[in-house]
Amino acid sequence: MKFAVSIYKNKELETLIDSIDCAVLMIPHLSYVYDESFNVSEAITLCKKKGVDIIIAINRVFLERELDALERAIEKYRDYKILVSDVGALQIAKELGITSNIIYDPDTLICNKMELGLYDSYGFEAIAMSNEITLDSVIESYKETNAPAFYQVFGRKLMFYSKRKLADIYKQYSGYEFGKENLSLVEYMRDYHTPMFHNDEGFFVYRQYHLSLLKHMNELSFLKYAYIETLTIDAETSLKVVNIFKNTANIEESQQKLDELGLAIEDGFTYRDTAYIKEKTV
């Protein structure tokens, strides 16, 4: 198992570089959420110097008019592992003959062993199942198909994604002014804040809690990549989280250290399936 950790800033990488196996580099304008100041060339150079594997995140959704730019991006980074979500990216990778470098994470798409087996037949480097089905189902699916697994074990999960620039539209019609840092939404009839991000490529809302599968890391020893998402966590805290997850010899001790960080952690869908409740009719 390799620990793959999301990287948004160069300073963040410098802090984490000696503790991670793989750096998932969030590329400006190609990833969901990114930092405009991120110097990707410097990050790649540092990873190579330290012997850290590089995963390039080209994981946003692309419109038809953007496919030429997408192909150029995949061609540019073809020698590295590439994390993608868009089916168009899969087709381009196939045409370029680099499907074996692709890590396919379509968020909530792959929810059972039949779907997992289908995508495994394409020969990807690794495949991510949804975090919105029970962990038992995930473990069973991976073990029955023997598919190479990329799976999120910690961090925020994407809850809503729109290509529409909803924040800009809200600004225009509300008259409010705000930037792009430390934004959140509060839903009607709810009392918690959900982190919100907007950029040139879209509008994103993440869950209000951090998912943690620390208690199950020994059961997940078959993972090829255990993904740790650091979004909304500072670099020093991210480093502590990574080192905690790497200590699977004493899960109870590791769990205590994680609890001491005071992060908002919930089980999410780890133990229960999504419940669909029909609206009452009058």
C-alpha atoms as a PDB file:
ATOM      1  CA  MET A   1       0.000   0.000   0.000  1.00  0.00           C
ATOM      2  CA  LYS A   2       1.171   3.471  -0.912  1.00  0.00           C
ATOM      3  CA  PHE A   3      -0.141   6.600   0.774  1.00  0.00           C
ATOM      4  CA  ALA A   4      -1.145   9.114  -1.887  1.00  0.00           C
ATOM      5  CA  VAL A   5      -1.640  12.624  -0.489  1.00  0.00           C
ATOM      6  CA  SER A   6      -3.253  15.623  -2.187  1.00  0.00           C
ATOM      7  CA  ILE A   7      -0.922  18.600  -2.694  1.00  0.00           C
ATOM      8  CA  TYR A   8      -2.236  22.093  -3.400  1.00  0.00           C
ATOM      9  CA  LYS A   9       0.757  24.298  -2.542  1.00  0.00           C
ATOM     10  CA  ASN A  10       4.530  24.079  -2.791  1.00  0.00           C
ATOM     11  CA  LYS A  11       5.007  24.835   0.924  1.00  0.00           C
ATOM     12  CA  GLU A  12       2.602  22.021   1.728  1.00  0.00           C
ATOM     13  CA  LEU A  13       4.662  19.596  -0.340  1.00  0.00           C
ATOM     14  CA  GLU A  14       7.867  20.727   1.371  1.00  0.00           C
ATOM     15  CA  THR A  15       6.309  19.919   4.748  1.00  0.00           C
ATOM     16  CA  LEU A  16       4.991  16.500   3.719  1.00  0.00           C
ATOM     17  CA  ILE A  17       7.651  15.293   1.299  1.00  0.00           C
ATOM     18  CA  ASP A  18       9.548  13.029   3.721  1.00  0.00           C
ATOM     19  CA  SER A  19       6.400  11.245   4.952  1.00  0.00           C
ATOM     20  CA  ILE A  20       4.430  10.476   1.787  1.00  0.00           C
ATOM     21  CA  ASP A  21       4.760   7.789  -0.867  1.00  0.00           C
ATOM     22  CA  CYS A  22       2.867   9.600  -3.636  1.00  0.00           C
ATOM     23  CA  ALA A  23       2.063  13.259  -4.208  1.00  0.00           C
ATOM     24  CA  VAL A  24      -1.248  13.914  -5.957  1.00  0.00           C
ATOM     25  CA  LEU A  25      -0.494  17.279  -7.563  1.00  0.00           C
ATOM     26  CA  MET A  26      -3.570  19.474  -7.979  1.00  0.00           C
ATOM     27  CA  ILE A  27      -2.851  21.227 -11.265  1.00  0.00           C
ATOM     28  CA  PRO A  28      -4.231  24.760 -11.797  1.00  0.00           C
ATOM     29  CA  HIS A  29      -7.199  24.731 -14.194  1.00  0.00           C
ATOM     30  CA  LEU A  30      -7.049  20.947 -14.597  1.00  0.00           C
ATOM     31  CA  SER A  31      -8.061  19.795 -11.108  1.00  0.00           C
ATOM     32  CA  TYR A  32     -11.315  20.364  -9.252  1.00  0.00           C
ATOM     33  CA  VAL A  33      -9.894  22.740  -6.660  1.00  0.00           C
ATOM     34  CA  TYR A  34      -6.454  24.292  -6.992  1.00  0.00           C
ATOM     35  CA  ASP A  35      -4.179  27.136  -5.941  1.00  0.00           C
ATOM     36  CA  GLU A  36      -3.225  29.531  -8.743  1.00  0.00           C
ATOM     37  CA  SER A  37       0.238  30.032  -7.233  1.00  0.00           C
ATOM     38  CA  PHE A  38       1.117  26.321  -7.288  1.00  0.00           C
ATOM     39  CA  ASN A  39       4.374  25.831  -9.227  1.00  0.00           C
ATOM     40  CA  VAL A  40       3.955  22.359 -10.700  1.00  0.00           C
ATOM     41  CA  SER A  41       7.453  22.190 -12.214  1.00  0.00           C
ATOM     42  CA  GLU A  42       9.054  22.869  -8.840  1.00  0.00           C
ATOM     43  CA  ALA A  43       6.819  20.270  -7.198  1.00  0.00           C
ATOM     44  CA  ILE A  44       7.759  17.615  -9.759  1.00  0.00           C
ATOM     45  CA  THR A  45      11.456  18.410  -9.327  1.00  0.00           C
ATOM     46  CA  LEU A  46      11.205  18.044  -5.537  1.00  0.00           C
ATOM     47  CA  CYS A  47       9.305  14.761  -5.793  1.00  0.00           C
ATOM     48  CA  LYS A  48      11.928  13.309  -8.132  1.00  0.00           C
ATOM     49  CA  LYS A  49      14.733  14.457  -5.827  1.00  0.00           C
ATOM     50  CA  LYS A  50      13.088  12.794  -2.821  1.00  0.00           C
ATOM     51  CA  GLY A  51      11.963   9.650  -4.641  1.00  0.00           C
ATOM     52  CA  VAL A  52       8.246  10.370  -4.163  1.00  0.00           C
ATOM     53  CA  ASP A  53       5.877   9.009  -6.816  1.00  0.00           C
ATOM     54  CA  ILE A  54       3.996  11.636  -8.821  1.00  0.00           C
ATOM     55  CA  ILE A  55       0.296  11.516  -9.620  1.00  0.00           C
ATOM     56  CA  ILE A  56      -1.003  14.350 -11.800  1.00  0.00           C
ATOM     57  CA  ALA A  57      -4.621  15.292 -11.037  1.00  0.00           C
ATOM     58  CA  ILE A  58      -6.464  16.113 -14.266  1.00  0.00           C
ATOM     59  CA  ASN A  59      -9.765  15.250 -12.625  1.00  0.00           C
ATOM     60  CA  ARG A  60     -12.271  17.958 -13.457  1.00  0.00           C
ATOM     61  CA  VAL A  61     -15.028  17.555 -16.046  1.00  0.00           C
ATOM     62  CA  PHE A  62     -14.233  18.878 -19.524  1.00  0.00           C
ATOM     63  CA  LEU A  63     -16.617  20.308 -22.082  1.00  0.00           C
ATOM     64  CA  GLU A  64     -16.418  19.284 -25.750  1.00  0.00           C
ATOM     65  CA  ARG A  65     -14.711  22.550 -26.675  1.00  0.00           C
ATOM     66  CA  GLU A  66     -12.010  21.800 -24.068  1.00  0.00           C
ATOM     67  CA  LEU A  67     -11.031  18.369 -25.371  1.00  0.00           C
ATOM     68  CA  ASP A  68      -8.080  19.614 -27.420  1.00  0.00           C
ATOM     69  CA  ALA A  69      -6.649  21.309 -24.329  1.00  0.00           C
ATOM     70  CA  LEU A  70      -7.308  18.140 -22.337  1.00  0.00           C
ATOM     71  CA  GLU A  71      -5.396  16.062 -24.870  1.00  0.00           C
ATOM     72  CA  ARG A  72      -2.442  18.468 -24.720  1.00  0.00           C
ATOM     73  CA  ALA A  73      -2.416  18.238 -20.929  1.00  0.00           C
ATOM     74  CA  ILE A  74      -2.495  14.444 -20.904  1.00  0.00           C
ATOM     75  CA  GLU A  75       0.227  14.339 -23.555  1.00  0.00           C
ATOM     76  CA  LYS A  76       2.357  16.728 -21.461  1.00  0.00           C
ATOM     77  CA  TYR A  77       2.149  14.524 -18.357  1.00  0.00           C
ATOM     78  CA  ARG A  78       1.940  11.142 -20.076  1.00  0.00           C
ATOM     79  CA  ASP A  79       5.069   9.817 -18.327  1.00  0.00           C
ATOM     80  CA  TYR A  80       3.431  10.124 -14.909  1.00  0.00           C
ATOM     81  CA  LYS A  81       0.452   8.480 -13.270  1.00  0.00           C
ATOM     82  CA  ILE A  82      -2.620  10.611 -14.078  1.00  0.00           C
ATOM     83  CA  LEU A  83      -5.760  10.822 -11.925  1.00  0.00           C
ATOM     84  CA  VAL A  84      -8.884  11.417 -14.042  1.00  0.00           C
ATOM     85  CA  SER A  85     -12.672  11.489 -13.578  1.00  0.00           C
ATOM     86  CA  ASP A  86     -13.861  12.427 -17.067  1.00  0.00           C
ATOM     87  CA  VAL A  87     -14.717   9.663 -19.545  1.00  0.00           C
ATOM     88  CA  GLY A  88     -13.289  11.844 -22.326  1.00  0.00           C
ATOM     89  CA  ALA A  89      -9.928  11.681 -20.582  1.00  0.00           C
ATOM     90  CA  LEU A  90     -10.108   7.884 -20.641  1.00  0.00           C
ATOM     91  CA  GLN A  91     -10.678   7.883 -24.407  1.00  0.00           C
ATOM     92  CA  ILE A  92      -7.764  10.245 -24.985  1.00  0.00           C
ATOM     93  CA  ALA A  93      -5.509   8.082 -22.808  1.00  0.00           C
ATOM     94  CA  LYS A  94      -6.583   5.043 -24.818  1.00  0.00           C
ATOM     95  CA  GLU A  95      -5.761   6.791 -28.100  1.00  0.00           C
ATOM     96  CA  LEU A  96      -2.351   7.811 -26.715  1.00  0.00           C
ATOM     97  CA  GLY A  97      -1.670   4.258 -25.536  1.00  0.00           C
ATOM     98  CA  ILE A  98      -1.234   5.174 -21.867  1.00  0.00           C
ATOM     99  CA  THR A  99      -4.249   3.558 -20.159  1.00  0.00           C
ATOM    100  CA  SER A 100      -1.836   1.733 -17.848  1.00  0.00           C
ATOM    101  CA  ASN A 101      -0.847   5.115 -16.359  1.00  0.00           C
ATOM    102  CA  ILE A 102      -4.437   6.112 -15.568  1.00  0.00           C
ATOM    103  CA  ILE A 103      -5.992   6.153 -12.106  1.00  0.00           C
ATOM    104  CA  TYR A 104      -9.737   6.372 -12.687  1.00  0.00           C
ATOM    105  CA  ASP A 105     -11.783   8.005  -9.927  1.00  0.00           C
ATOM    106  CA  PRO A 106     -15.278   8.942 -11.182  1.00  0.00           C
ATOM    107  CA  ASP A 107     -16.383   9.835  -7.618  1.00  0.00           C
ATOM    108  CA  THR A 108     -19.760   8.122  -7.155  1.00  0.00           C
ATOM    109  CA  LEU A 109     -20.019   6.132 -10.395  1.00  0.00           C
ATOM    110  CA  ILE A 110     -18.560   2.727  -9.460  1.00  0.00           C
ATOM    111  CA  CYS A 111     -20.829   1.212  -6.815  1.00  0.00           C
ATOM    112  CA  ASN A 112     -20.699  -2.575  -7.258  1.00  0.00           C
ATOM    113  CA  LYS A 113     -18.384  -5.410  -8.278  1.00  0.00           C
ATOM    114  CA  MET A 114     -19.846  -5.685 -11.804  1.00  0.00           C
ATOM    115  CA  GLU A 115     -19.051  -2.057 -12.594  1.00  0.00           C
ATOM    116  CA  LEU A 116     -15.633  -2.418 -10.981  1.00  0.00           C
ATOM    117  CA  GLY A 117     -14.900  -5.522 -13.040  1.00  0.00           C
ATOM    118  CA  LEU A 118     -15.896  -3.722 -16.246  1.00  0.00           C
ATOM    119  CA  TYR A 119     -13.499  -0.835 -15.670  1.00  0.00           C
ATOM    120  CA  ASP A 120     -10.768  -3.186 -14.473  1.00  0.00           C
ATOM    121  CA  SER A 121     -10.832  -4.786 -17.934  1.00  0.00           C
ATOM    122  CA  TYR A 122      -9.414  -1.565 -19.429  1.00  0.00           C
ATOM    123  CA  GLY A 123      -6.068  -2.102 -17.702  1.00  0.00           C
ATOM    124  CA  PHE A 124      -5.882   1.055 -15.585  1.00  0.00           C
ATOM    125  CA  GLU A 125      -3.179   1.626 -12.992  1.00  0.00           C
ATOM    126  CA  ALA A 126      -5.897   1.771 -10.325  1.00  0.00           C
ATOM    127  CA  ILE A 127      -9.651   2.325  -9.955  1.00  0.00           C
ATOM    128  CA  ALA A 128     -11.608   4.121  -7.240  1.00  0.00           C
ATOM    129  CA  MET A 129     -14.975   2.929  -6.011  1.00  0.00           C
ATOM    130  CA  SER A 130     -17.519   5.280  -4.482  1.00  0.00           C
ATOM    131  CA  ASN A 131     -17.199   6.271  -0.805  1.00  0.00           C
ATOM    132  CA  GLU A 132     -21.005   6.442  -0.702  1.00  0.00           C
ATOM    133  CA  ILE A 133     -21.544   2.701  -0.412  1.00  0.00           C
ATOM    134  CA  THR A 134     -20.763   0.590   2.625  1.00  0.00           C
ATOM    135  CA  LEU A 135     -17.157  -0.337   3.312  1.00  0.00           C
ATOM    136  CA  ASP A 136     -18.102  -4.037   3.413  1.00  0.00           C
ATOM    137  CA  SER A 137     -19.385  -3.753  -0.158  1.00  0.00           C
ATOM    138  CA  VAL A 138     -16.195  -1.993  -1.241  1.00  0.00           C
ATOM    139  CA  ILE A 139     -13.921  -4.616   0.311  1.00  0.00           C
ATOM    140  CA  GLU A 140     -15.970  -7.472  -1.153  1.00  0.00           C
ATOM    141  CA  SER A 141     -15.923  -5.905  -4.643  1.00  0.00           C
ATOM    142  CA  TYR A 142     -12.184  -5.343  -4.718  1.00  0.00           C
ATOM    143  CA  LYS A 143     -11.378  -8.799  -3.385  1.00  0.00           C
ATOM    144  CA  GLU A 144     -13.723 -10.588  -5.800  1.00  0.00           C
ATOM    145  CA  THR A 145     -12.431  -8.729  -8.856  1.00  0.00           C
ATOM    146  CA  ASN A 146      -8.827  -8.343  -7.714  1.00  0.00           C
ATOM    147  CA  ALA A 147      -8.941  -4.845  -9.261  1.00  0.00           C
ATOM    148  CA  PRO A 148      -6.105  -2.442  -8.322  1.00  0.00           C
ATOM    149  CA  ALA A 149      -7.557  -0.061  -5.737  1.00  0.00           C
ATOM    150  CA  PHE A 150      -7.233   3.694  -5.289  1.00  0.00           C
ATOM    151  CA  TYR A 151      -9.481   4.558  -2.355  1.00  0.00           C
ATOM    152  CA  GLN A 152      -9.942   7.589  -0.114  1.00  0.00           C
ATOM    153  CA  VAL A 153      -9.267   6.772   3.535  1.00  0.00           C
ATOM    154  CA  PHE A 154      -9.324  10.285   4.959  1.00  0.00           C
ATOM    155  CA  GLY A 155     -10.531  13.799   4.225  1.00  0.00           C
ATOM    156  CA  ARG A 156     -13.288  15.872   2.691  1.00  0.00           C
ATOM    157  CA  LYS A 157     -15.520  14.338   0.027  1.00  0.00           C
ATOM    158  CA  LEU A 158     -16.909  16.256  -2.918  1.00  0.00           C
ATOM    159  CA  MET A 159     -20.682  16.634  -2.477  1.00  0.00           C
ATOM    160  CA  PHE A 160     -21.685  18.962  -5.302  1.00  0.00           C
ATOM    161  CA  TYR A 161     -19.979  20.061  -8.518  1.00  0.00           C
ATOM    162  CA  SER A 162     -21.323  22.334 -11.220  1.00  0.00           C
ATOM    163  CA  LYS A 163     -19.640  23.703 -14.314  1.00  0.00           C
ATOM    164  CA  ARG A 164     -21.827  26.783 -13.858  1.00  0.00           C
ATOM    165  CA  LYS A 165     -20.197  29.701 -12.073  1.00  0.00           C
ATOM    166  CA  LEU A 166     -22.835  29.805  -9.386  1.00  0.00           C
ATOM    167  CA  ALA A 167     -20.855  31.988  -6.978  1.00  0.00           C
ATOM    168  CA  ASP A 168     -20.395  34.666  -9.645  1.00  0.00           C
ATOM    169  CA  ILE A 169     -24.096  34.513 -10.486  1.00  0.00           C
ATOM    170  CA  TYR A 170     -24.949  34.918  -6.802  1.00  0.00           C
ATOM    171  CA  LYS A 171     -22.605  37.898  -6.560  1.00  0.00           C
ATOM    172  CA  GLN A 172     -24.245  39.526  -9.549  1.00  0.00           C
ATOM    173  CA  TYR A 173     -27.802  39.224  -8.283  1.00  0.00           C
ATOM    174  CA  SER A 174     -27.247  39.591  -4.521  1.00  0.00           C
ATOM    175  CA  GLY A 175     -24.882  42.538  -4.570  1.00  0.00           C
ATOM    176  CA  TYR A 176     -22.553  40.835  -2.077  1.00  0.00           C
ATOM    177  CA  GLU A 177     -18.793  40.844  -2.658  1.00  0.00           C
ATOM    178  CA  PHE A 178     -16.519  38.017  -1.552  1.00  0.00           C
ATOM    179  CA  GLY A 179     -13.275  36.388  -2.623  1.00  0.00           C
ATOM    180  CA  LYS A 180     -12.323  32.715  -2.950  1.00  0.00           C
ATOM    181  CA  GLU A 181     -10.854  31.943   0.480  1.00  0.00           C
ATOM    182  CA  ASN A 182     -12.565  30.358   3.509  1.00  0.00           C
ATOM    183  CA  LEU A 183     -16.043  30.237   1.977  1.00  0.00           C
ATOM    184  CA  SER A 184     -18.855  28.003   3.196  1.00  0.00           C
ATOM    185  CA  LEU A 185     -22.575  27.400   2.746  1.00  0.00           C
ATOM    186  CA  VAL A 186     -25.268  26.825   5.337  1.00  0.00           C
ATOM    187  CA  GLU A 187     -28.331  24.990   4.056  1.00  0.00           C
ATOM    188  CA  TYR A 188     -31.801  25.984   5.142  1.00  0.00           C
ATOM    189  CA  MET A 189     -32.823  24.056   8.301  1.00  0.00           C
ATOM    190  CA  ARG A 190     -29.231  22.929   8.955  1.00  0.00           C
ATOM    191  CA  ASP A 191     -26.755  24.368  11.433  1.00  0.00           C
ATOM    192  CA  TYR A 192     -23.415  23.273   9.965  1.00  0.00           C
ATOM    193  CA  HIS A 193     -21.171  24.867   7.340  1.00  0.00           C
ATOM    194  CA  THR A 194     -20.086  23.040   4.188  1.00  0.00           C
ATOM    195  CA  PRO A 195     -16.830  24.213   2.544  1.00  0.00           C
ATOM    196  CA  MET A 196     -17.379  25.923  -0.803  1.00  0.00           C
ATOM    197  CA  PHE A 197     -14.921  26.684  -3.596  1.00  0.00           C
ATOM    198  CA  HIS A 198     -15.269  28.425  -6.935  1.00  0.00           C
ATOM    199  CA  ASN A 199     -12.810  29.006  -9.748  1.00  0.00           C
ATOM    200  CA  ASP A 200     -12.711  29.450 -13.518  1.00  0.00           C
ATOM    201  CA  GLU A 201     -13.756  25.827 -14.021  1.00  0.00           C
ATOM    202  CA  GLY A 202     -16.779  25.594 -11.769  1.00  0.00           C
ATOM    203  CA  PHE A 203     -18.406  25.568  -8.354  1.00  0.00           C
ATOM    204  CA  PHE A 204     -17.671  22.928  -5.696  1.00  0.00           C
ATOM    205  CA  VAL A 205     -19.145  22.034  -2.320  1.00  0.00           C
ATOM    206  CA  TYR A 206     -17.514  19.487  -0.003  1.00  0.00           C
ATOM    207  CA  ARG A 207     -19.011  17.611   2.934  1.00  0.00           C
ATOM    208  CA  GLN A 208     -18.931  19.272   6.326  1.00  0.00           C
ATOM    209  CA  TYR A 209     -16.862  16.465   7.844  1.00  0.00           C
ATOM    210  CA  HIS A 210     -13.672  14.507   7.223  1.00  0.00           C
ATOM    211  CA  LEU A 211     -14.141  10.852   6.385  1.00  0.00           C
ATOM    212  CA  SER A 212     -11.775   8.574   8.315  1.00  0.00           C
ATOM    213  CA  LEU A 213     -11.213   4.857   7.760  1.00  0.00           C
ATOM    214  CA  LEU A 214      -8.315   4.657  10.230  1.00  0.00           C
ATOM    215  CA  LYS A 215     -10.000   1.905  12.265  1.00  0.00           C
ATOM    216  CA  HIS A 216     -10.173  -0.257   9.121  1.00  0.00           C
ATOM    217  CA  MET A 217      -6.687   0.227   7.694  1.00  0.00           C
ATOM    218  CA  ASN A 218      -5.640  -3.347   8.422  1.00  0.00           C
ATOM    219  CA  GLU A 219      -8.713  -4.611   6.539  1.00  0.00           C
ATOM    220  CA  LEU A 220      -7.722  -2.306   3.667  1.00  0.00           C
ATOM    221  CA  SER A 221      -4.148  -3.557   3.406  1.00  0.00           C
ATOM    222  CA  PHE A 222      -4.925  -4.740  -0.150  1.00  0.00           C
ATOM    223  CA  LEU A 223      -5.213  -1.128  -1.406  1.00  0.00           C
ATOM    224  CA  LYS A 224      -2.691  -0.122  -4.016  1.00  0.00           C
ATOM    225  CA  TYR A 225      -3.160   3.555  -3.087  1.00  0.00           C
ATOM    226  CA  ALA A 226      -4.667   4.840   0.159  1.00  0.00           C
ATOM    227  CA  TYR A 227      -5.698   8.410  -0.617  1.00  0.00           C
ATOM    228  CA  ILE A 228      -5.526  11.161   1.994  1.00  0.00           C
ATOM    229  CA  GLU A 229      -7.325  14.387   1.035  1.00  0.00           C
ATOM    230  CA  THR A 230      -5.818  17.437   2.778  1.00  0.00           C
ATOM    231  CA  LEU A 231      -8.307  20.058   1.593  1.00  0.00           C
ATOM    232  CA  THR A 232      -9.071  22.640   4.357  1.00  0.00           C
ATOM    233  CA  ILE A 233      -6.298  21.282   6.619  1.00  0.00           C
ATOM    234  CA  ASP A 234      -3.036  23.152   7.173  1.00  0.00           C
ATOM    235  CA  ALA A 235       0.247  21.485   6.243  1.00  0.00           C
ATOM    236  CA  GLU A 236       1.351  20.690   9.805  1.00  0.00           C
ATOM    237  CA  THR A 237      -1.953  18.994  10.605  1.00  0.00           C
ATOM    238  CA  SER A 238      -1.807  17.112   7.292  1.00  0.00           C
ATOM    239  CA  LEU A 239       1.628  15.801   8.250  1.00  0.00           C
ATOM    240  CA  LYS A 240       0.275  14.550  11.577  1.00  0.00           C
ATOM    241  CA  VAL A 241      -2.630  12.829   9.805  1.00  0.00           C
ATOM    242  CA  VAL A 242      -0.309  11.080   7.339  1.00  0.00           C
ATOM    243  CA  ASN A 243       1.992   9.820  10.097  1.00  0.00           C
ATOM    244  CA  ILE A 244      -0.996   8.630  12.134  1.00  0.00           C
ATOM    245  CA  PHE A 245      -2.368   6.626   9.209  1.00  0.00           C
ATOM    246  CA  LYS A 246       1.017   5.063   8.536  1.00  0.00           C
ATOM    247  CA  ASN A 247       1.082   3.610  12.061  1.00  0.00           C
ATOM    248  CA  THR A 248      -1.205   0.607  11.643  1.00  0.00           C
ATOM    249  CA  ALA A 249       0.668  -1.512  14.193  1.00  0.00           C
ATOM    250  CA  ASN A 250      -1.358   0.078  17.003  1.00  0.00           C
ATOM    251  CA  ILE A 251      -4.698   1.303  15.677  1.00  0.00           C
ATOM    252  CA  GLU A 252      -6.024   2.293  19.100  1.00  0.00           C
ATOM    253  CA  GLU A 253      -3.029   4.531  19.758  1.00  0.00           C
ATOM    254  CA  SER A 254      -3.295   6.029  16.269  1.00  0.00           C
ATOM    255  CA  GLN A 255      -7.022   6.673  16.722  1.00  0.00           C
ATOM    256  CA  GLN A 256      -6.366   8.473  19.989  1.00  0.00           C
ATOM    257  CA  LYS A 257      -3.808  10.735  18.279  1.00  0.00           C
ATOM    258  CA  LEU A 258      -6.260  11.454  15.460  1.00  0.00           C
ATOM    259  CA  ASP A 259      -8.992  12.344  17.961  1.00  0.00           C
ATOM    260  CA  GLU A 260      -6.617  14.764  19.681  1.00  0.00           C
ATOM    261  CA  LEU A 261      -6.369  16.829  16.484  1.00  0.00           C
ATOM    262  CA  GLY A 262      -9.959  17.988  17.042  1.00  0.00           C
ATOM    263  CA  LEU A 263     -11.047  17.534  13.418  1.00  0.00           C
ATOM    264  CA  ALA A 264     -14.713  17.087  12.525  1.00  0.00           C
ATOM    265  CA  ILE A 265     -14.796  13.381  11.624  1.00  0.00           C
ATOM    266  CA  GLU A 266     -17.862  11.299  10.746  1.00  0.00           C
ATOM    267  CA  ASP A 267     -18.510   7.822   9.345  1.00  0.00           C
ATOM    268  CA  GLY A 268     -20.413   9.042   6.306  1.00  0.00           C
ATOM    269  CA  PHE A 269     -21.645   6.010   4.361  1.00  0.00           C
ATOM    270  CA  THR A 270     -19.070   3.609   5.804  1.00  0.00           C
ATOM    271  CA  TYR A 271     -21.666   1.482   7.590  1.00  0.00           C
ATOM    272  CA  ARG A 272     -24.948   2.393   5.915  1.00  0.00           C
ATOM    273  CA  ASP A 273     -26.281   2.745   2.392  1.00  0.00           C
ATOM    274  CA  THR A 274     -27.930   5.908   1.127  1.00  0.00           C
ATOM    275  CA  ALA A 275     -31.550   6.034   2.266  1.00  0.00           C
ATOM    276  CA  TYR A 276     -34.128   7.251  -0.236  1.00  0.00           C
ATOM    277  CA  ILE A 277     -37.275   8.561   1.429  1.00  0.00           C
ATOM    278  CA  LYS A 278     -40.262   9.409  -0.727  1.00  0.00           C
ATOM    279  CA  GLU A 279     -41.980  12.710  -0.109  1.00  0.00           C
ATOM    280  CA  LYS A 280     -45.339  12.505   1.549  1.00  0.00           C
ATOM    281  CA  THR A 281     -48.277  13.205  -0.707  1.00  0.00           C
ATOM    282  CA  VAL A 282     -51.346  15.074   0.459  1.00  0.00           C
END
